[in-house]
C-alpha atoms as a PDB file:
ATOM      1  CA  MET A   1      15.180  27.304  38.249  1.00  0.00           C
ATOM      2  CA  PHE A   2      11.643  25.960  38.570  1.00  0.00           C
ATOM      3  CA  ARG A   3      10.734  27.811  35.414  1.00  0.00           C
ATOM      4  CA  THR A   4      13.575  26.098  33.486  1.00  0.00           C
ATOM      5  CA  VAL A   5      12.631  22.644  34.796  1.00  0.00           C
ATOM      6  CA  PHE A   6       8.968  23.292  33.981  1.00  0.00           C
ATOM      7  CA  SER A   7       9.869  24.477  30.451  1.00  0.00           C
ATOM      8  CA  ILE A   8      12.011  21.399  29.768  1.00  0.00           C
ATOM      9  CA  GLY A   9       9.247  19.121  31.074  1.00  0.00           C
ATOM     10  CA  LEU A  10       6.619  20.903  29.001  1.00  0.00           C
ATOM     11  CA  PHE A  11       8.693  20.575  25.820  1.00  0.00           C
ATOM     12  CA  ALA A  12       9.356  16.904  26.575  1.00  0.00           C
ATOM     13  CA  VAL A  13       5.634  16.192  26.991  1.00  0.00           C
ATOM     14  CA  LEU A  14       4.760  18.161  23.847  1.00  0.00           C
ATOM     15  CA  GLY A  15       7.468  16.254  21.952  1.00  0.00           C
ATOM     16  CA  LEU A  16       6.084  12.918  23.101  1.00  0.00           C
ATOM     17  CA  ILE A  17       2.572  13.933  22.059  1.00  0.00           C
ATOM     18  CA  ALA A  18       3.857  15.072  18.657  1.00  0.00           C
ATOM     19  CA  LEU A  19       5.790  11.814  18.133  1.00  0.00           C
ATOM     20  CA  LYS A  20       2.739   9.735  19.055  1.00  0.00           C
ATOM     21  CA  PHE A  21       0.622  11.740  16.631  1.00  0.00           C
ATOM     22  CA  ILE A  22       3.148  11.532  13.774  1.00  0.00           C
ATOM     23  CA  PHE A  23       3.817   7.815  14.178  1.00  0.00           C
ATOM     24  CA  GLY A  24       0.096   7.169  14.571  1.00  0.00           C
ATOM     25  CA  ILE A  25      -0.549   8.700  11.157  1.00  0.00           C
ATOM     26  CA  PHE A  26       2.523   6.983   9.695  1.00  0.00           C
ATOM     27  CA  GLY A  27       1.353   3.615  11.035  1.00  0.00           C
ATOM     28  CA  PHE A  28      -2.064   4.130   9.466  1.00  0.00           C
ATOM     29  CA  ALA A  29      -0.464   5.035   6.119  1.00  0.00           C
ATOM     30  CA  VAL A  30       1.747   1.921   6.181  1.00  0.00           C
ATOM     31  CA  GLY A  31      -1.246  -0.245   7.054  1.00  0.00           C
ATOM     32  CA  LEU A  32      -3.252   1.250   4.205  1.00  0.00           C
ATOM     33  CA  PHE A  33      -0.368   0.724   1.768  1.00  0.00           C
ATOM     34  CA  VAL A  34       0.039  -2.928   2.789  1.00  0.00           C
ATOM     35  CA  TRP A  35      -3.713  -3.518   2.466  1.00  0.00           C
ATOM     36  CA  LEU A  36      -3.738  -1.957  -1.029  1.00  0.00           C
ATOM     37  CA  LEU A  37      -0.673  -4.001  -2.012  1.00  0.00           C
ATOM     38  CA  PHE A  38      -2.316  -7.279  -1.005  1.00  0.00           C
ATOM     39  CA  ALA A  39      -5.573  -6.282  -2.734  1.00  0.00           C
ATOM     40  CA  ALA A  40      -3.642  -5.550  -5.949  1.00  0.00           C
ATOM     41  CA  LEU A  41      -1.789  -8.863  -5.687  1.00  0.00           C
ATOM     42  CA  LYS A  42      -5.076 -10.756  -5.262  1.00  0.00           C
ATOM     43  CA  ILE A  43      -6.573  -9.019  -8.304  1.00  0.00           C
ATOM     44  CA  ALA A  44      -3.443  -9.736 -10.374  1.00  0.00           C
ATOM     45  CA  LEU A  45      -3.480 -13.395  -9.320  1.00  0.00           C
ATOM     46  CA  ILE A  46      -7.151 -13.756 -10.269  1.00  0.00           C
ATOM     47  CA  GLY A  47      -6.434 -12.119 -13.653  1.00  0.00           C
ATOM     48  CA  LEU A  48      -3.512 -14.474 -14.227  1.00  0.00           C
ATOM     49  CA  VAL A  49      -5.666 -17.523 -13.479  1.00  0.00           C
ATOM     50  CA  ILE A  50      -8.387 -16.269 -15.839  1.00  0.00           C
ATOM     51  CA  TYR A  51      -5.769 -15.651 -18.566  1.00  0.00           C
ATOM     52  CA  PHE A  52      -4.355 -19.169 -18.224  1.00  0.00           C
ATOM     53  CA  ILE A  53      -7.852 -20.666 -18.406  1.00  0.00           C
ATOM     54  CA  ILE A  54      -8.539 -18.660 -21.583  1.00  0.00           C
ATOM     55  CA  ARG A  55      -5.146 -19.752 -22.920  1.00  0.00           C
ATOM     56  CA  LEU A  56      -6.039 -23.413 -22.395  1.00  0.00           C
ATOM     57  CA  VAL A  57      -9.576 -23.132 -23.791  1.00  0.00           C
ATOM     58  CA  SER A  58      -8.985 -20.680 -26.641  1.00  0.00           C
ATOM     59  CA  PRO A  59      -5.365 -19.937 -27.565  1.00  0.00           C
ATOM     60  CA  GLU A  60      -6.407 -17.509 -30.332  1.00  0.00           C
ATOM     61  CA  THR A  61      -8.333 -15.325 -27.861  1.00  0.00           C
ATOM     62  CA  ALA A  62      -5.341 -15.376 -25.500  1.00  0.00           C
ATOM     63  CA  ARG A  63      -3.086 -14.266 -28.366  1.00  0.00           C
ATOM     64  CA  ARG A  64      -5.407 -11.353 -29.183  1.00  0.00           C
ATOM     65  CA  LEU A  65      -5.526 -10.325 -25.540  1.00  0.00           C
ATOM     66  CA  ARG A  66      -1.731 -10.463 -25.305  1.00  0.00           C
ATOM     67  CA  GLU A  67      -1.375  -8.339 -28.459  1.00  0.00           C
ATOM     68  CA  ARG A  68      -3.933  -5.808 -27.249  1.00  0.00           C
ATOM     69  CA  TRP A  69      -2.220  -5.298 -23.878  1.00  0.00           C
ATOM     70  CA  SER A  70       1.316  -5.328 -25.240  1.00  0.00           C
ATOM     71  CA  ARG A  71       0.515  -2.547 -27.727  1.00  0.00           C
ATOM     72  CA  ALA A  72      -0.953  -0.378 -24.976  1.00  0.00           C
ATOM     73  CA  GLY A  73       2.441  -0.135 -23.220  1.00  0.00           C
END
């Protein structure tokens, strides 16, 4: 009987340790993904602002840029 109780307790503790480890890694991965997402959004926003400035100052250059990037896709 003590052996069964000890085995159940041991598996419960090992399960808790495994869950903490798995969710610790998962939490880190989610944090990294969110950080990369916000970094990409900042870079895209800066590029958009630069494009609109070029579009106001030199519409011909903006047209060439738009043609160059639209052909690439």
